[in-house]
């Protein structure tokens, strides 16, 4: 009988980052669509509406290059922002990631 190889699924990575700023300041930074966002490699977020199901793209300031695409999964203003993302330069469509930014008065964490 042939052996069936089942690929192992890696454990999810969890990163916690503390930022000395209010939850509102961090929220405004990670959801803005005008000037480039330093935390997103100086790209601009393009999104029609900040709501679940909306498509988002991280584009160069001149709009000529799209480095990341995804969909918004959850929005709780000033508390939680969750979305998928995929780097456009990767040919593997299964290389889809989910990031969750949970904000509180004491700390900001991103998973």
PDB file of N, CA and C in Angstrom:
ATOM      1  N   UNK A   1       0.845  -1.171   0.000  1.00  0.00           N
ATOM      2  CA  UNK A   1       0.000   0.000   0.000  1.00  0.00           C
ATOM      3  C   UNK A   1       0.898   1.245   0.000  1.00  0.00           C
ATOM      4  N   UNK A   2       0.637   2.224  -0.895  1.00  0.00           N
ATOM      5  CA  UNK A   2       1.471   3.430  -0.940  1.00  0.00           C
ATOM      6  C   UNK A   2       1.265   4.291   0.303  1.00  0.00           C
ATOM      7  N   UNK A   3       2.336   4.934   0.707  1.00  0.00           N
ATOM      8  CA  UNK A   3       2.266   5.818   1.868  1.00  0.00           C
ATOM      9  C   UNK A   3       1.720   7.178   1.434  1.00  0.00           C
ATOM     10  N   UNK A   4       0.839   7.705   2.225  1.00  0.00           N
ATOM     11  CA  UNK A   4       0.278   9.022   1.964  1.00  0.00           C
ATOM     12  C   UNK A   4       0.977  10.007   2.889  1.00  0.00           C
ATOM     13  N   UNK A   5       1.538  11.031   2.305  1.00  0.00           N
ATOM     14  CA  UNK A   5       2.236  12.033   3.104  1.00  0.00           C
ATOM     15  C   UNK A   5       1.304  13.215   3.354  1.00  0.00           C
ATOM     16  N   UNK A   6       1.069  13.503   4.603  1.00  0.00           N
ATOM     17  CA  UNK A   6       0.212  14.623   4.983  1.00  0.00           C
ATOM     18  C   UNK A   6       1.116  15.759   5.435  1.00  0.00           C
ATOM     19  N   UNK A   7       1.040  16.903   4.741  1.00  0.00           N
ATOM     20  CA  UNK A   7       1.914  18.017   5.132  1.00  0.00           C
ATOM     21  C   UNK A   7       1.546  18.553   6.506  1.00  0.00           C
ATOM     22  N   UNK A   8       2.560  18.963   7.247  1.00  0.00           N
ATOM     23  CA  UNK A   8       2.336  19.560   8.561  1.00  0.00           C
ATOM     24  C   UNK A   8       2.004  21.035   8.388  1.00  0.00           C
ATOM     25  N   UNK A   9       1.026  21.477   9.127  1.00  0.00           N
ATOM     26  CA  UNK A   9       0.648  22.889   9.115  1.00  0.00           C
ATOM     27  C   UNK A   9       1.413  23.569  10.242  1.00  0.00           C
ATOM     28  N   UNK A  10       2.169  24.620   9.925  1.00  0.00           N
ATOM     29  CA  UNK A  10       2.946  25.280  10.980  1.00  0.00           C
ATOM     30  C   UNK A  10       2.045  25.972  11.999  1.00  0.00           C
ATOM     31  N   UNK A  11       2.548  26.063  13.204  1.00  0.00           N
ATOM     32  CA  UNK A  11       1.837  26.791  14.252  1.00  0.00           C
ATOM     33  C   UNK A  11       1.764  28.266  13.860  1.00  0.00           C
ATOM     34  N   UNK A  12       0.675  28.943  14.199  1.00  0.00           N
ATOM     35  CA  UNK A  12       0.606  30.377  13.877  1.00  0.00           C
ATOM     36  C   UNK A  12       1.654  31.160  14.664  1.00  0.00           C
ATOM     37  N   UNK A  13       2.176  32.177  14.043  1.00  0.00           N
ATOM     38  CA  UNK A  13       3.135  33.057  14.709  1.00  0.00           C
ATOM     39  C   UNK A  13       2.372  34.185  15.382  1.00  0.00           C
ATOM     40  N   UNK A  14       2.784  34.529  16.575  1.00  0.00           N
ATOM     41  CA  UNK A  14       2.162  35.627  17.304  1.00  0.00           C
ATOM     42  C   UNK A  14       3.260  36.603  17.695  1.00  0.00           C
ATOM     43  N   UNK A  15       3.078  37.856  17.312  1.00  0.00           N
ATOM     44  CA  UNK A  15       4.028  38.909  17.646  1.00  0.00           C
ATOM     45  C   UNK A  15       3.290  39.970  18.439  1.00  0.00           C
ATOM     46  N   UNK A  16       3.891  40.438  19.491  1.00  0.00           N
ATOM     47  CA  UNK A  16       3.301  41.510  20.291  1.00  0.00           C
ATOM     48  C   UNK A  16       4.236  42.705  20.234  1.00  0.00           C
ATOM     49  N   UNK A  17       3.645  43.859  19.964  1.00  0.00           N
ATOM     50  CA  UNK A  17       4.418  45.092  19.837  1.00  0.00           C
ATOM     51  C   UNK A  17       3.784  46.140  20.739  1.00  0.00           C
ATOM     52  N   UNK A  18       4.601  46.782  21.556  1.00  0.00           N
ATOM     53  CA  UNK A  18       4.116  47.866  22.405  1.00  0.00           C
ATOM     54  C   UNK A  18       4.515  49.191  21.776  1.00  0.00           C
ATOM     55  N   UNK A  19       3.565  50.102  21.669  1.00  0.00           N
ATOM     56  CA  UNK A  19       3.810  51.412  21.067  1.00  0.00           C
ATOM     57  C   UNK A  19       3.392  52.477  22.068  1.00  0.00           C
ATOM     58  N   UNK A  20       4.256  53.436  22.282  1.00  0.00           N
ATOM     59  CA  UNK A  20       3.936  54.526  23.210  1.00  0.00           C
ATOM     60  C   UNK A  20       3.074  55.562  22.509  1.00  0.00           C
ATOM     61  N   UNK A  21       1.809  55.246  22.418  1.00  0.00           N
ATOM     62  CA  UNK A  21       0.824  56.133  21.797  1.00  0.00           C
ATOM     63  C   UNK A  21      -0.549  55.655  22.253  1.00  0.00           C
ATOM     64  N   UNK A  22      -1.523  56.515  22.121  1.00  0.00           N
ATOM     65  CA  UNK A  22      -2.882  56.114  22.498  1.00  0.00           C
ATOM     66  C   UNK A  22      -3.438  55.152  21.449  1.00  0.00           C
ATOM     67  N   UNK A  23      -4.445  54.386  21.842  1.00  0.00           N
ATOM     68  CA  UNK A  23      -5.095  53.468  20.903  1.00  0.00           C
ATOM     69  C   UNK A  23      -5.647  54.245  19.711  1.00  0.00           C
ATOM     70  N   UNK A  24      -6.166  55.438  19.958  1.00  0.00           N
ATOM     71  CA  UNK A  24      -6.710  56.262  18.874  1.00  0.00           C
ATOM     72  C   UNK A  24      -5.614  56.679  17.891  1.00  0.00           C
ATOM     73  N   UNK A  25      -4.441  57.066  18.404  1.00  0.00           N
ATOM     74  CA  UNK A  25      -3.334  57.458  17.519  1.00  0.00           C
ATOM     75  C   UNK A  25      -2.866  56.282  16.661  1.00  0.00           C
ATOM     76  N   UNK A  26      -2.767  55.100  17.271  1.00  0.00           N
ATOM     77  CA  UNK A  26      -2.342  53.915  16.522  1.00  0.00           C
ATOM     78  C   UNK A  26      -3.397  53.558  15.487  1.00  0.00           C
ATOM     79  N   UNK A  27      -4.665  53.582  15.879  1.00  0.00           N
ATOM     80  CA  UNK A  27      -5.763  53.286  14.948  1.00  0.00           C
ATOM     81  C   UNK A  27      -5.700  54.219  13.737  1.00  0.00           C
ATOM     82  N   UNK A  28      -5.555  55.504  13.998  1.00  0.00           N
ATOM     83  CA  UNK A  28      -5.505  56.475  12.905  1.00  0.00           C
ATOM     84  C   UNK A  28      -4.326  56.207  11.973  1.00  0.00           C
ATOM     85  N   UNK A  29      -3.212  55.750  12.524  1.00  0.00           N
ATOM     86  CA  UNK A  29      -2.033  55.459  11.708  1.00  0.00           C
ATOM     87  C   UNK A  29      -2.230  54.215  10.841  1.00  0.00           C
ATOM     88  N   UNK A  30      -2.768  53.135  11.400  1.00  0.00           N
ATOM     89  CA  UNK A  30      -2.860  51.881  10.634  1.00  0.00           C
ATOM     90  C   UNK A  30      -4.056  51.826   9.692  1.00  0.00           C
ATOM     91  N   UNK A  31      -4.981  52.783   9.800  1.00  0.00           N
ATOM     92  CA  UNK A  31      -6.157  52.760   8.916  1.00  0.00           C
ATOM     93  C   UNK A  31      -6.229  53.946   7.966  1.00  0.00           C
ATOM     94  N   UNK A  32      -5.254  54.815   7.993  1.00  0.00           N
ATOM     95  CA  UNK A  32      -5.332  56.000   7.129  1.00  0.00           C
ATOM     96  C   UNK A  32      -5.068  55.633   5.669  1.00  0.00           C
ATOM     97  N   UNK A  33      -5.591  56.456   4.783  1.00  0.00           N
ATOM     98  CA  UNK A  33      -5.456  56.185   3.352  1.00  0.00           C
ATOM     99  C   UNK A  33      -4.788  57.330   2.600  1.00  0.00           C
ATOM    100  N   UNK A  34      -4.423  58.403   3.287  1.00  0.00           N
ATOM    101  CA  UNK A  34      -3.824  59.546   2.601  1.00  0.00           C
ATOM    102  C   UNK A  34      -2.307  59.432   2.494  1.00  0.00           C
ATOM    103  N   UNK A  35      -1.561  59.925   3.480  1.00  0.00           N
ATOM    104  CA  UNK A  35      -0.102  59.857   3.340  1.00  0.00           C
ATOM    105  C   UNK A  35       0.399  58.426   3.516  1.00  0.00           C
ATOM    106  N   UNK A  36       1.603  58.138   3.025  1.00  0.00           N
ATOM    107  CA  UNK A  36       2.179  56.799   3.203  1.00  0.00           C
ATOM    108  C   UNK A  36       2.269  56.423   4.683  1.00  0.00           C
ATOM    109  N   UNK A  37       2.131  55.131   4.968  1.00  0.00           N
ATOM    110  CA  UNK A  37       2.165  54.606   6.330  1.00  0.00           C
ATOM    111  C   UNK A  37       3.533  53.975   6.567  1.00  0.00           C
ATOM    112  N   UNK A  38       4.282  54.513   7.512  1.00  0.00           N
ATOM    113  CA  UNK A  38       5.641  54.030   7.777  1.00  0.00           C
ATOM    114  C   UNK A  38       5.658  52.539   8.110  1.00  0.00           C
ATOM    115  N   UNK A  39       4.687  52.064   8.900  1.00  0.00           N
ATOM    116  CA  UNK A  39       4.648  50.653   9.298  1.00  0.00           C
ATOM    117  C   UNK A  39       4.364  49.722   8.123  1.00  0.00           C
ATOM    118  N   UNK A  40       3.889  50.252   7.019  1.00  0.00           N
ATOM    119  CA  UNK A  40       3.606  49.460   5.818  1.00  0.00           C
ATOM    120  C   UNK A  40       4.582  49.818   4.703  1.00  0.00           C
ATOM    121  N   UNK A  41       5.849  49.974   5.071  1.00  0.00           N
ATOM    122  CA  UNK A  41       6.928  50.219   4.110  1.00  0.00           C
ATOM    123  C   UNK A  41       6.683  51.472   3.277  1.00  0.00           C
ATOM    124  N   UNK A  42       6.121  52.490   3.914  1.00  0.00           N
ATOM    125  CA  UNK A  42       5.820  53.769   3.261  1.00  0.00           C
ATOM    126  C   UNK A  42       4.882  53.630   2.064  1.00  0.00           C
ATOM    127  N   UNK A  43       3.988  52.649   2.136  1.00  0.00           N
ATOM    128  CA  UNK A  43       2.950  52.497   1.120  1.00  0.00           C
ATOM    129  C   UNK A  43       1.675  53.169   1.604  1.00  0.00           C
ATOM    130  N   UNK A  44       0.727  53.326   0.694  1.00  0.00           N
ATOM    131  CA  UNK A  44      -0.586  53.885   1.029  1.00  0.00           C
ATOM    132  C   UNK A  44      -1.615  52.772   0.967  1.00  0.00           C
ATOM    133  N   UNK A  45      -2.553  52.777   1.919  1.00  0.00           N
ATOM    134  CA  UNK A  45      -3.631  51.796   1.889  1.00  0.00           C
ATOM    135  C   UNK A  45      -4.746  52.328   0.997  1.00  0.00           C
ATOM    136  N   UNK A  46      -5.140  51.506   0.039  1.00  0.00           N
ATOM    137  CA  UNK A  46      -6.258  51.836  -0.839  1.00  0.00           C
ATOM    138  C   UNK A  46      -7.406  50.901  -0.482  1.00  0.00           C
ATOM    139  N   UNK A  47      -8.538  51.482  -0.091  1.00  0.00           N
ATOM    140  CA  UNK A  47      -9.720  50.708   0.279  1.00  0.00           C
ATOM    141  C   UNK A  47     -10.938  51.596   0.042  1.00  0.00           C
ATOM    142  N   UNK A  48     -12.010  51.014  -0.497  1.00  0.00           N
ATOM    143  CA  UNK A  48     -13.225  51.807  -0.753  1.00  0.00           C
ATOM    144  C   UNK A  48     -13.947  52.156   0.544  1.00  0.00           C
ATOM    145  N   UNK A  49     -14.001  51.190   1.461  1.00  0.00           N
ATOM    146  CA  UNK A  49     -14.673  51.411   2.743  1.00  0.00           C
ATOM    147  C   UNK A  49     -13.990  50.559   3.798  1.00  0.00           C
ATOM    148  N   UNK A  50     -13.866  51.078   4.986  1.00  0.00           N
ATOM    149  CA  UNK A  50     -13.246  50.354   6.087  1.00  0.00           C
ATOM    150  C   UNK A  50     -14.322  49.489   6.744  1.00  0.00           C
ATOM    151  N   UNK A  51     -14.652  48.372   6.053  1.00  0.00           N
ATOM    152  CA  UNK A  51     -15.709  47.486   6.541  1.00  0.00           C
ATOM    153  C   UNK A  51     -15.411  46.051   6.112  1.00  0.00           C
ATOM    154  N   UNK A  52     -15.923  45.062   6.868  1.00  0.00           N
ATOM    155  CA  UNK A  52     -15.678  43.666   6.519  1.00  0.00           C
ATOM    156  C   UNK A  52     -16.090  43.355   5.080  1.00  0.00           C
ATOM    157  N   UNK A  53     -15.235  42.595   4.398  1.00  0.00           N
ATOM    158  CA  UNK A  53     -15.486  42.215   3.015  1.00  0.00           C
ATOM    159  C   UNK A  53     -14.830  43.128   1.998  1.00  0.00           C
ATOM    160  N   UNK A  54     -14.463  44.338   2.408  1.00  0.00           N
ATOM    161  CA  UNK A  54     -13.849  45.291   1.477  1.00  0.00           C
ATOM    162  C   UNK A  54     -12.450  44.818   1.090  1.00  0.00           C
ATOM    163  N   UNK A  55     -12.095  45.021  -0.164  1.00  0.00           N
ATOM    164  CA  UNK A  55     -10.743  44.712  -0.634  1.00  0.00           C
ATOM    165  C   UNK A  55      -9.816  45.850  -0.250  1.00  0.00           C
ATOM    166  N   UNK A  56      -8.578  45.483   0.091  1.00  0.00           N
ATOM    167  CA  UNK A  56      -7.585  46.514   0.371  1.00  0.00           C
ATOM    168  C   UNK A  56      -6.325  46.213  -0.416  1.00  0.00           C
ATOM    169  N   UNK A  57      -5.564  47.251  -0.677  1.00  0.00           N
ATOM    170  CA  UNK A  57      -4.288  47.117  -1.380  1.00  0.00           C
ATOM    171  C   UNK A  57      -3.315  48.114  -0.781  1.00  0.00           C
ATOM    172  N   UNK A  58      -2.077  47.688  -0.637  1.00  0.00           N
ATOM    173  CA  UNK A  58      -1.015  48.582  -0.194  1.00  0.00           C
ATOM    174  C   UNK A  58      -0.208  48.927  -1.437  1.00  0.00           C
ATOM    175  N   UNK A  59      -0.243  50.209  -1.805  1.00  0.00           N
ATOM    176  CA  UNK A  59       0.397  50.657  -3.043  1.00  0.00           C
ATOM    177  C   UNK A  59       1.475  51.689  -2.755  1.00  0.00           C
ATOM    178  N   UNK A  60       2.419  51.765  -3.684  1.00  0.00           N
ATOM    179  CA  UNK A  60       3.459  52.786  -3.581  1.00  0.00           C
ATOM    180  C   UNK A  60       2.783  54.157  -3.604  1.00  0.00           C
ATOM    181  N   UNK A  61       3.445  55.191  -3.062  1.00  0.00           N
ATOM    182  CA  UNK A  61       2.823  56.521  -3.006  1.00  0.00           C
ATOM    183  C   UNK A  61       2.304  57.028  -4.351  1.00  0.00           C
ATOM    184  N   UNK A  62       2.976  56.662  -5.453  1.00  0.00           N
ATOM    185  CA  UNK A  62       2.504  57.113  -6.768  1.00  0.00           C
ATOM    186  C   UNK A  62       1.466  56.168  -7.372  1.00  0.00           C
ATOM    187  N   UNK A  63       1.154  55.054  -6.672  1.00  0.00           N
ATOM    188  CA  UNK A  63       0.146  54.111  -7.141  1.00  0.00           C
ATOM    189  C   UNK A  63       0.621  53.176  -8.233  1.00  0.00           C
ATOM    190  N   UNK A  64       1.896  53.258  -8.614  1.00  0.00           N
ATOM    191  CA  UNK A  64       2.413  52.457  -9.723  1.00  0.00           C
ATOM    192  C   UNK A  64       2.635  50.995  -9.354  1.00  0.00           C
ATOM    193  N   UNK A  65       2.874  50.697  -8.075  1.00  0.00           N
ATOM    194  CA  UNK A  65       3.187  49.329  -7.663  1.00  0.00           C
ATOM    195  C   UNK A  65       2.291  48.925  -6.499  1.00  0.00           C
ATOM    196  N   UNK A  66       1.670  47.756  -6.609  1.00  0.00           N
ATOM    197  CA  UNK A  66       0.868  47.195  -5.525  1.00  0.00           C
ATOM    198  C   UNK A  66       1.649  46.047  -4.917  1.00  0.00           C
ATOM    199  N   UNK A  67       2.046  46.190  -3.655  1.00  0.00           N
ATOM    200  CA  UNK A  67       2.862  45.177  -2.993  1.00  0.00           C
ATOM    201  C   UNK A  67       2.065  44.165  -2.200  1.00  0.00           C
ATOM    202  N   UNK A  68       0.869  44.563  -1.733  1.00  0.00           N
ATOM    203  CA  UNK A  68       0.053  43.694  -0.886  1.00  0.00           C
ATOM    204  C   UNK A  68      -1.411  43.865  -1.272  1.00  0.00           C
ATOM    205  N   UNK A  69      -2.144  42.748  -1.308  1.00  0.00           N
ATOM    206  CA  UNK A  69      -3.595  42.779  -1.504  1.00  0.00           C
ATOM    207  C   UNK A  69      -4.243  41.928  -0.422  1.00  0.00           C
ATOM    208  N   UNK A  70      -5.500  42.218  -0.111  1.00  0.00           N
ATOM    209  CA  UNK A  70      -6.203  41.434   0.898  1.00  0.00           C
ATOM    210  C   UNK A  70      -7.642  41.878   1.039  1.00  0.00           C
ATOM    211  N   UNK A  71      -8.291  41.351   2.074  1.00  0.00           N
ATOM    212  CA  UNK A  71      -9.681  41.703   2.389  1.00  0.00           C
ATOM    213  C   UNK A  71      -9.801  41.996   3.874  1.00  0.00           C
ATOM    214  N   UNK A  72     -10.637  42.961   4.181  1.00  0.00           N
ATOM    215  CA  UNK A  72     -10.893  43.291   5.580  1.00  0.00           C
ATOM    216  C   UNK A  72     -11.843  42.245   6.156  1.00  0.00           C
ATOM    217  N   UNK A  73     -11.485  41.713   7.319  1.00  0.00           N
ATOM    218  CA  UNK A  73     -12.291  40.693   7.982  1.00  0.00           C
ATOM    219  C   UNK A  73     -13.105  41.253   9.144  1.00  0.00           C
ATOM    220  N   UNK A  74     -12.534  42.224   9.865  1.00  0.00           N
ATOM    221  CA  UNK A  74     -13.207  42.747  11.056  1.00  0.00           C
ATOM    222  C   UNK A  74     -12.744  44.170  11.327  1.00  0.00           C
ATOM    223  N   UNK A  75     -13.689  45.021  11.713  1.00  0.00           N
ATOM    224  CA  UNK A  75     -13.378  46.404  12.075  1.00  0.00           C
ATOM    225  C   UNK A  75     -14.165  46.765  13.329  1.00  0.00           C
ATOM    226  N   UNK A  76     -13.448  47.083  14.393  1.00  0.00           N
ATOM    227  CA  UNK A  76     -14.040  47.634  15.611  1.00  0.00           C
ATOM    228  C   UNK A  76     -13.237  48.904  15.872  1.00  0.00           C
ATOM    229  N   UNK A  77     -13.766  50.069  15.478  1.00  0.00           N
ATOM    230  CA  UNK A  77     -12.988  51.306  15.548  1.00  0.00           C
ATOM    231  C   UNK A  77     -12.271  51.517  16.884  1.00  0.00           C
ATOM    232  N   UNK A  78     -10.990  51.850  16.761  1.00  0.00           N
ATOM    233  CA  UNK A  78     -10.099  52.144  17.889  1.00  0.00           C
ATOM    234  C   UNK A  78      -9.820  50.934  18.776  1.00  0.00           C
ATOM    235  N   UNK A  79     -10.255  49.720  18.343  1.00  0.00           N
ATOM    236  CA  UNK A  79     -10.023  48.524  19.158  1.00  0.00           C
ATOM    237  C   UNK A  79      -9.441  47.353  18.376  1.00  0.00           C
ATOM    238  N   UNK A  80      -9.973  47.070  17.180  1.00  0.00           N
ATOM    239  CA  UNK A  80      -9.549  45.859  16.475  1.00  0.00           C
ATOM    240  C   UNK A  80      -9.668  46.044  14.963  1.00  0.00           C
ATOM    241  N   UNK A  81      -8.599  45.653  14.254  1.00  0.00           N
ATOM    242  CA  UNK A  81      -8.570  45.703  12.794  1.00  0.00           C
ATOM    243  C   UNK A  81      -7.954  44.391  12.328  1.00  0.00           C
ATOM    244  N   UNK A  82      -8.717  43.614  11.586  1.00  0.00           N
ATOM    245  CA  UNK A  82      -8.270  42.287  11.152  1.00  0.00           C
ATOM    246  C   UNK A  82      -8.456  42.184   9.645  1.00  0.00           C
ATOM    247  N   UNK A  83      -7.409  41.720   8.955  1.00  0.00           N
ATOM    248  CA  UNK A  83      -7.501  41.592   7.503  1.00  0.00           C
ATOM    249  C   UNK A  83      -6.542  40.526   6.993  1.00  0.00           C
ATOM    250  N   UNK A  84      -6.831  40.039   5.793  1.00  0.00           N
ATOM    251  CA  UNK A  84      -5.913  39.122   5.128  1.00  0.00           C
ATOM    252  C   UNK A  84      -4.910  39.956   4.347  1.00  0.00           C
ATOM    253  N   UNK A  85      -3.789  39.332   3.997  1.00  0.00           N
ATOM    254  CA  UNK A  85      -2.869  39.986   3.078  1.00  0.00           C
ATOM    255  C   UNK A  85      -2.024  38.946   2.370  1.00  0.00           C
ATOM    256  N   UNK A  86      -1.676  39.286   1.141  1.00  0.00           N
ATOM    257  CA  UNK A  86      -0.822  38.439   0.308  1.00  0.00           C
ATOM    258  C   UNK A  86       0.142  39.351  -0.425  1.00  0.00           C
ATOM    259  N   UNK A  87       1.426  38.994  -0.376  1.00  0.00           N
ATOM    260  CA  UNK A  87       2.427  39.765  -1.108  1.00  0.00           C
ATOM    261  C   UNK A  87       2.289  39.444  -2.593  1.00  0.00           C
ATOM    262  N   UNK A  88       2.155  40.456  -3.414  1.00  0.00           N
ATOM    263  CA  UNK A  88       1.890  40.244  -4.837  1.00  0.00           C
ATOM    264  C   UNK A  88       3.072  39.647  -5.590  1.00  0.00           C
ATOM    265  N   UNK A  89       4.277  39.757  -5.056  1.00  0.00           N
ATOM    266  CA  UNK A  89       5.439  39.214  -5.760  1.00  0.00           C
ATOM    267  C   UNK A  89       5.592  37.702  -5.557  1.00  0.00           C
ATOM    268  N   UNK A  90       4.783  37.101  -4.681  1.00  0.00           N
ATOM    269  CA  UNK A  90       4.835  35.652  -4.472  1.00  0.00           C
ATOM    270  C   UNK A  90       3.878  34.966  -5.439  1.00  0.00           C
ATOM    271  N   UNK A  91       4.349  33.942  -6.118  1.00  0.00           N
ATOM    272  CA  UNK A  91       3.520  33.227  -7.081  1.00  0.00           C
ATOM    273  C   UNK A  91       2.595  32.210  -6.426  1.00  0.00           C
ATOM    274  N   UNK A  92       2.751  31.977  -5.137  1.00  0.00           N
ATOM    275  CA  UNK A  92       1.977  30.963  -4.433  1.00  0.00           C
ATOM    276  C   UNK A  92       0.685  31.564  -3.881  1.00  0.00           C
ATOM    277  N   UNK A  93      -0.474  31.280  -4.508  1.00  0.00           N
ATOM    278  CA  UNK A  93      -1.731  31.861  -4.012  1.00  0.00           C
ATOM    279  C   UNK A  93      -2.114  31.371  -2.622  1.00  0.00           C
ATOM    280  N   UNK A  94      -1.496  30.264  -2.161  1.00  0.00           N
ATOM    281  CA  UNK A  94      -1.808  29.774  -0.822  1.00  0.00           C
ATOM    282  C   UNK A  94      -1.045  30.549   0.254  1.00  0.00           C
ATOM    283  N   UNK A  95      -0.135  31.426  -0.142  1.00  0.00           N
ATOM    284  CA  UNK A  95       0.634  32.222   0.822  1.00  0.00           C
ATOM    285  C   UNK A  95      -0.197  33.422   1.261  1.00  0.00           C
ATOM    286  N   UNK A  96      -1.319  33.127   1.893  1.00  0.00           N
ATOM    287  CA  UNK A  96      -2.239  34.149   2.369  1.00  0.00           C
ATOM    288  C   UNK A  96      -2.094  34.242   3.881  1.00  0.00           C
ATOM    289  N   UNK A  97      -1.959  35.439   4.391  1.00  0.00           N
ATOM    290  CA  UNK A  97      -1.747  35.659   5.812  1.00  0.00           C
ATOM    291  C   UNK A  97      -2.919  36.436   6.392  1.00  0.00           C
ATOM    292  N   UNK A  98      -3.085  36.332   7.698  1.00  0.00           N
ATOM    293  CA  UNK A  98      -4.097  37.115   8.410  1.00  0.00           C
ATOM    294  C   UNK A  98      -3.377  37.882   9.505  1.00  0.00           C
ATOM    295  N   UNK A  99      -3.670  39.172   9.599  1.00  0.00           N
ATOM    296  CA  UNK A  99      -3.106  39.973  10.682  1.00  0.00           C
ATOM    297  C   UNK A  99      -4.251  40.552  11.502  1.00  0.00           C
ATOM    298  N   UNK A 100      -4.060  40.547  12.804  1.00  0.00           N
ATOM    299  CA  UNK A 100      -5.046  41.109  13.718  1.00  0.00           C
ATOM    300  C   UNK A 100      -4.357  42.145  14.578  1.00  0.00           C
ATOM    301  N   UNK A 101      -4.841  43.363  14.527  1.00  0.00           N
ATOM    302  CA  UNK A 101      -4.322  44.425  15.385  1.00  0.00           C
ATOM    303  C   UNK A 101      -5.363  44.679  16.465  1.00  0.00           C
ATOM    304  N   UNK A 102      -4.991  44.384  17.710  1.00  0.00           N
ATOM    305  CA  UNK A 102      -5.872  44.605  18.855  1.00  0.00           C
ATOM    306  C   UNK A 102      -5.290  45.734  19.680  1.00  0.00           C
ATOM    307  N   UNK A 103      -6.069  46.784  19.881  1.00  0.00           N
ATOM    308  CA  UNK A 103      -5.577  47.960  20.580  1.00  0.00           C
ATOM    309  C   UNK A 103      -6.262  48.112  21.930  1.00  0.00           C
ATOM    310  N   UNK A 104      -5.495  48.602  22.888  1.00  0.00           N
ATOM    311  CA  UNK A 104      -6.045  48.909  24.204  1.00  0.00           C
ATOM    312  C   UNK A 104      -5.346  50.158  24.718  1.00  0.00           C
ATOM    313  N   UNK A 105      -5.824  50.697  25.811  1.00  0.00           N
ATOM    314  CA  UNK A 105      -5.199  51.898  26.372  1.00  0.00           C
ATOM    315  C   UNK A 105      -3.783  51.610  26.846  1.00  0.00           C
ATOM    316  N   UNK A 106      -3.538  50.389  27.283  1.00  0.00           N
ATOM    317  CA  UNK A 106      -2.228  50.054  27.837  1.00  0.00           C
ATOM    318  C   UNK A 106      -1.227  49.647  26.775  1.00  0.00           C
ATOM    319  N   UNK A 107      -1.686  49.001  25.705  1.00  0.00           N
ATOM    320  CA  UNK A 107      -0.733  48.462  24.738  1.00  0.00           C
ATOM    321  C   UNK A 107      -1.400  48.197  23.404  1.00  0.00           C
ATOM    322  N   UNK A 108      -0.585  48.004  22.417  1.00  0.00           N
ATOM    323  CA  UNK A 108      -1.004  47.625  21.071  1.00  0.00           C
ATOM    324  C   UNK A 108      -0.356  46.291  20.781  1.00  0.00           C
ATOM    325  N   UNK A 109      -1.115  45.331  20.286  1.00  0.00           N
ATOM    326  CA  UNK A 109      -0.514  44.059  19.901  1.00  0.00           C
ATOM    327  C   UNK A 109      -0.962  43.703  18.503  1.00  0.00           C
ATOM    328  N   UNK A 110      -0.069  43.099  17.744  1.00  0.00           N
ATOM    329  CA  UNK A 110      -0.379  42.687  16.384  1.00  0.00           C
ATOM    330  C   UNK A 110      -0.039  41.219  16.248  1.00  0.00           C
ATOM    331  N   UNK A 111      -0.968  40.437  15.736  1.00  0.00           N
ATOM    332  CA  UNK A 111      -0.743  38.997  15.556  1.00  0.00           C
ATOM    333  C   UNK A 111      -0.824  38.658  14.102  1.00  0.00           C
TER     334      UNK A 111
END
